């Protein structure tokens, strides 16, 4: 789910006040990751609506008390699953490296093949709704996710500016923010049943925001026999 999946941190960075107060101990990170992975597997298999703490405990080989020691609520578990999925996606697509590549063909194909039944997308949208409350564990997750998205998109746009694909006079960070906002908005409309070609609209939006249509027109003029 490249780019439709949220960008974020590794599951080891998921934290709660309760867990922090208890302090780290040997094996904590490994146990937390095992529990998060079990939650992710269950969400992918059954959808987040059906996942219970008892199921996570059984899948991870832990007691329910141990699960709740590391993740004080079911919502904390679901956020941990999202963060682990983010980490896996970032690694698979090399987004955690210094020079992420903005492949518009990959963007188009991934968005066009998205499914409203995708369990991780459904979970993300559910957490977004719940995170309107500042106390919800999804709130800090979404703040980290958004900051990471902005950073990655900014670097992608800057790379395209360097390669003379995007307009050099535009603010790369501003384009990144506008692109993310447009992406979220279009995804929301699409998920609500509005029939749109998500891939075409996202690529077209990016080209307009980044001034790529202008750059292409200028290149055609330069290369034509009537060029100025």
Protein backbone atom coordinates (compact mmCIF):
# COMPACT_ATOMS: atom_id res chain seq x y z
CA UNK A 1 0.00 0.00 0.00
CA UNK A 2 2.79 2.41 -0.93
CA UNK A 3 1.83 5.95 0.09
CA UNK A 4 -1.71 4.92 0.97
CA UNK A 5 -0.19 3.41 4.05
CA UNK A 6 0.78 6.00 6.65
CA UNK A 7 4.44 6.89 7.09
CA UNK A 8 5.59 6.65 10.64
CA UNK A 9 8.06 5.20 13.10
CA UNK A 10 8.92 1.69 14.13
CA UNK A 11 6.71 -0.18 16.53
CA UNK A 12 9.44 0.04 19.13
CA UNK A 13 8.72 3.75 19.38
CA UNK A 14 5.06 3.28 20.31
CA UNK A 15 4.76 4.48 23.88
CA UNK A 16 2.19 5.16 26.55
CA UNK A 17 2.43 7.04 29.81
CA UNK A 18 1.69 3.84 31.70
CA UNK A 19 4.48 1.93 29.98
CA UNK A 20 6.99 4.75 30.41
CA UNK A 21 6.32 5.00 34.14
CA UNK A 22 7.01 1.30 34.61
CA UNK A 23 10.37 1.69 32.94
CA UNK A 24 12.21 -0.58 30.50
CA UNK A 25 13.39 -4.07 31.32
CA UNK A 26 15.22 -6.82 29.46
CA UNK A 27 13.19 -8.15 26.55
CA UNK A 28 10.63 -5.34 26.60
CA UNK A 29 11.19 -4.26 23.02
CA UNK A 30 11.11 -7.82 21.72
CA UNK A 31 7.91 -8.61 23.61
CA UNK A 32 6.21 -5.40 22.45
CA UNK A 33 7.12 -6.08 18.83
CA UNK A 34 5.83 -9.65 19.10
CA UNK A 35 2.51 -8.40 20.47
CA UNK A 36 2.29 -5.67 17.82
CA UNK A 37 3.03 -8.19 15.06
CA UNK A 38 0.33 -10.51 16.36
CA UNK A 39 -2.13 -7.61 16.33
CA UNK A 40 -1.14 -6.67 12.78
CA UNK A 41 -1.62 -10.24 11.58
CA UNK A 42 -5.07 -10.42 13.16
CA UNK A 43 -6.13 -7.08 11.67
CA UNK A 44 -5.01 -8.18 8.22
CA UNK A 45 -6.82 -11.50 8.57
CA UNK A 46 -10.06 -10.41 10.24
CA UNK A 47 -10.31 -6.63 10.17
CA UNK A 48 -9.79 -4.42 13.21
CA UNK A 49 -13.43 -4.64 14.26
CA UNK A 50 -13.05 -8.30 15.22
CA UNK A 51 -9.71 -8.19 17.01
CA UNK A 52 -9.79 -8.78 20.77
CA UNK A 53 -7.15 -8.61 23.47
CA UNK A 54 -7.65 -12.32 24.13
CA UNK A 55 -6.89 -13.13 20.48
CA UNK A 56 -3.75 -11.00 20.55
CA UNK A 57 -2.59 -12.72 23.73
CA UNK A 58 -3.10 -16.16 22.21
CA UNK A 59 -1.42 -15.27 18.91
CA UNK A 60 1.60 -13.67 20.60
CA UNK A 61 2.00 -16.41 23.20
CA UNK A 62 1.38 -13.95 26.02
CA UNK A 63 -1.10 -13.62 28.82
CA UNK A 64 -3.77 -10.93 28.61
CA UNK A 65 -2.11 -9.28 31.61
CA UNK A 66 1.18 -9.09 29.72
CA UNK A 67 -0.51 -7.60 26.66
CA UNK A 68 -2.18 -4.94 28.81
CA UNK A 69 1.09 -4.23 30.61
CA UNK A 70 2.63 -3.14 27.32
CA UNK A 71 -0.51 -1.75 25.66
CA UNK A 72 -3.09 -0.51 28.19
CA UNK A 73 -6.06 -0.73 25.82
CA UNK A 74 -7.31 -2.27 22.60
CA UNK A 75 -6.85 1.06 20.83
CA UNK A 76 -3.18 1.12 21.86
CA UNK A 77 -2.81 -2.30 20.23
CA UNK A 78 -4.43 -1.13 17.00
CA UNK A 79 -2.17 1.92 16.84
CA UNK A 80 0.84 -0.35 17.36
CA UNK A 81 -0.33 -2.48 14.43
CA UNK A 82 -0.51 0.60 12.22
CA UNK A 83 2.97 1.70 13.25
CA UNK A 84 4.44 -1.72 12.56
CA UNK A 85 2.79 -1.77 9.14
CA UNK A 86 4.23 1.69 8.45
CA UNK A 87 7.70 0.49 9.35
CA UNK A 88 7.45 -2.54 7.06
CA UNK A 89 6.21 -0.41 4.15
CA UNK A 90 8.93 2.19 4.61
CA UNK A 91 11.61 -0.48 4.64
CA UNK A 92 10.18 -2.30 1.62
CA UNK A 93 10.08 0.89 -0.45
CA UNK A 94 13.34 2.34 0.93
CA UNK A 95 11.47 5.37 2.28
CA UNK A 96 13.66 5.34 5.37
CA UNK A 97 16.69 6.13 3.23
CA UNK A 98 18.00 9.57 2.37
CA UNK A 99 16.84 9.81 -1.24
CA UNK A 100 13.28 8.48 -1.64
CA UNK A 101 12.16 8.29 -5.27
CA UNK A 102 8.77 9.67 -6.27
CA UNK A 103 7.68 7.20 -8.93
CA UNK A 104 4.47 8.60 -10.43
CA UNK A 105 3.72 5.35 -12.24
CA UNK A 106 3.92 3.44 -8.95
CA UNK A 107 1.77 6.08 -7.29
CA UNK A 108 -0.84 5.74 -10.02
CA UNK A 109 -0.89 1.94 -10.02
CA UNK A 110 -1.03 1.63 -6.24
CA UNK A 111 -3.81 4.17 -5.83
CA UNK A 112 -5.82 2.70 -8.70
CA UNK A 113 -5.62 -0.80 -7.23
CA UNK A 114 -6.67 0.25 -3.72
CA UNK A 115 -9.64 -1.53 -2.19
CA UNK A 116 -12.25 -0.15 0.18
CA UNK A 117 -12.04 -3.53 1.93
CA UNK A 118 -8.33 -3.14 2.72
CA UNK A 119 -8.17 -3.81 6.48
CA UNK A 120 -5.25 -1.46 7.13
CA UNK A 121 -6.86 1.43 5.27
CA UNK A 122 -10.09 0.87 7.16
CA UNK A 123 -8.18 0.83 10.44
CA UNK A 124 -6.34 4.03 9.56
CA UNK A 125 -9.57 5.86 8.79
CA UNK A 126 -11.16 4.56 11.99
CA UNK A 127 -8.21 5.76 14.09
CA UNK A 128 -8.35 9.16 12.38
CA UNK A 129 -11.92 9.55 13.55
CA UNK A 130 -11.19 8.48 17.12
CA UNK A 131 -8.04 10.60 17.33
CA UNK A 132 -10.08 13.79 17.36
CA UNK A 133 -9.81 13.33 21.13
CA UNK A 134 -6.38 14.54 22.36
CA UNK A 135 -6.25 11.69 24.88
CA UNK A 136 -6.62 8.96 22.28
CA UNK A 137 -3.36 7.06 21.53
CA UNK A 138 -3.96 7.63 17.85
CA UNK A 139 -3.52 11.38 18.26
CA UNK A 140 0.24 11.33 18.82
CA UNK A 141 0.58 8.60 16.20
CA UNK A 142 -1.11 10.76 13.57
CA UNK A 143 1.06 13.73 14.52
CA UNK A 144 4.20 11.64 13.97
CA UNK A 145 2.77 10.15 10.80
CA UNK A 146 1.96 13.55 9.34
CA UNK A 147 5.38 14.96 10.17
CA UNK A 148 7.02 11.95 8.51
CA UNK A 149 4.78 12.26 5.45
CA UNK A 150 5.66 15.93 5.05
CA UNK A 151 9.37 15.17 5.33
CA UNK A 152 9.27 12.34 2.79
CA UNK A 153 7.12 14.20 0.27
CA UNK A 154 9.27 17.32 0.64
CA UNK A 155 12.40 15.33 -0.20
CA UNK A 156 10.63 13.67 -3.12
CA UNK A 157 9.55 17.02 -4.56
CA UNK A 158 13.02 18.50 -4.02
CA UNK A 159 14.54 15.57 -5.90
CA UNK A 160 12.21 16.17 -8.83
CA UNK A 161 13.11 19.87 -8.77
CA UNK A 162 16.78 18.93 -8.87
CA UNK A 163 16.10 16.70 -11.88
CA UNK A 164 14.24 19.55 -13.65
CA UNK A 165 10.92 17.67 -13.47
CA UNK A 166 9.19 19.97 -10.97
CA UNK A 167 9.24 23.77 -11.07
CA UNK A 168 12.34 25.03 -9.20
CA UNK A 169 10.66 28.21 -7.99
CA UNK A 170 8.06 26.45 -5.85
CA UNK A 171 8.32 25.66 -2.14
CA UNK A 172 8.85 21.88 -1.89
CA UNK A 173 7.44 21.67 1.63
CA UNK A 174 4.32 23.62 0.70
CA UNK A 175 3.73 21.31 -2.27
CA UNK A 176 4.15 18.32 0.06
CA UNK A 177 1.55 19.64 2.50
CA UNK A 178 -0.93 20.43 -0.27
CA UNK A 179 -0.41 17.01 -1.84
CA UNK A 180 -1.01 15.20 1.45
CA UNK A 181 -4.15 17.25 2.08
CA UNK A 182 -5.44 16.48 -1.41
CA UNK A 183 -4.60 12.79 -0.99
CA UNK A 184 -6.50 12.57 2.30
CA UNK A 185 -9.46 14.42 0.83
CA UNK A 186 -9.68 12.31 -2.31
CA UNK A 187 -9.29 9.10 -0.31
CA UNK A 188 -12.11 10.18 1.98
CA UNK A 189 -14.41 10.89 -0.97
CA UNK A 190 -13.48 7.61 -2.64
CA UNK A 191 -14.03 5.65 0.56
CA UNK A 192 -17.44 7.31 0.96
CA UNK A 193 -18.49 5.85 -2.37
CA UNK A 194 -17.69 8.65 -4.80
CA UNK A 195 -16.59 6.94 -8.00
CA UNK A 196 -13.30 8.54 -9.03
CA UNK A 197 -10.12 7.28 -10.64
CA UNK A 198 -7.97 7.80 -7.59
CA UNK A 199 -4.70 7.09 -9.40
CA UNK A 200 -5.36 9.52 -12.25
CA UNK A 201 -6.54 12.27 -9.92
CA UNK A 202 -3.58 11.95 -7.56
CA UNK A 203 -0.99 12.00 -10.33
CA UNK A 204 -2.74 14.88 -12.09
CA UNK A 205 -2.95 16.83 -8.84
CA UNK A 206 0.73 16.33 -8.12
CA UNK A 207 1.75 17.45 -11.60
CA UNK A 208 -0.27 20.65 -11.24
CA UNK A 209 0.93 21.42 -7.72
CA UNK A 210 4.57 20.81 -8.64
CA UNK A 211 4.38 22.81 -11.86
CA UNK A 212 5.38 19.77 -13.90
CA UNK A 213 2.91 20.59 -16.67
CA UNK A 214 4.61 23.97 -17.06
CA UNK A 215 8.05 22.37 -17.07
CA UNK A 216 6.98 19.91 -19.76
CA UNK A 217 5.51 22.69 -21.90
CA UNK A 218 8.71 24.70 -21.59
CA UNK A 219 10.77 21.67 -22.61
CA UNK A 220 8.61 21.12 -25.68
CA UNK A 221 9.04 24.75 -26.70
CA UNK A 222 12.80 24.58 -26.23
CA UNK A 223 13.05 21.41 -28.28
CA UNK A 224 10.79 22.51 -31.10
CA UNK A 225 11.96 24.28 -34.19
CA UNK A 226 9.88 27.26 -33.09
CA UNK A 227 11.52 27.41 -29.68
CA UNK A 228 12.49 30.79 -28.32
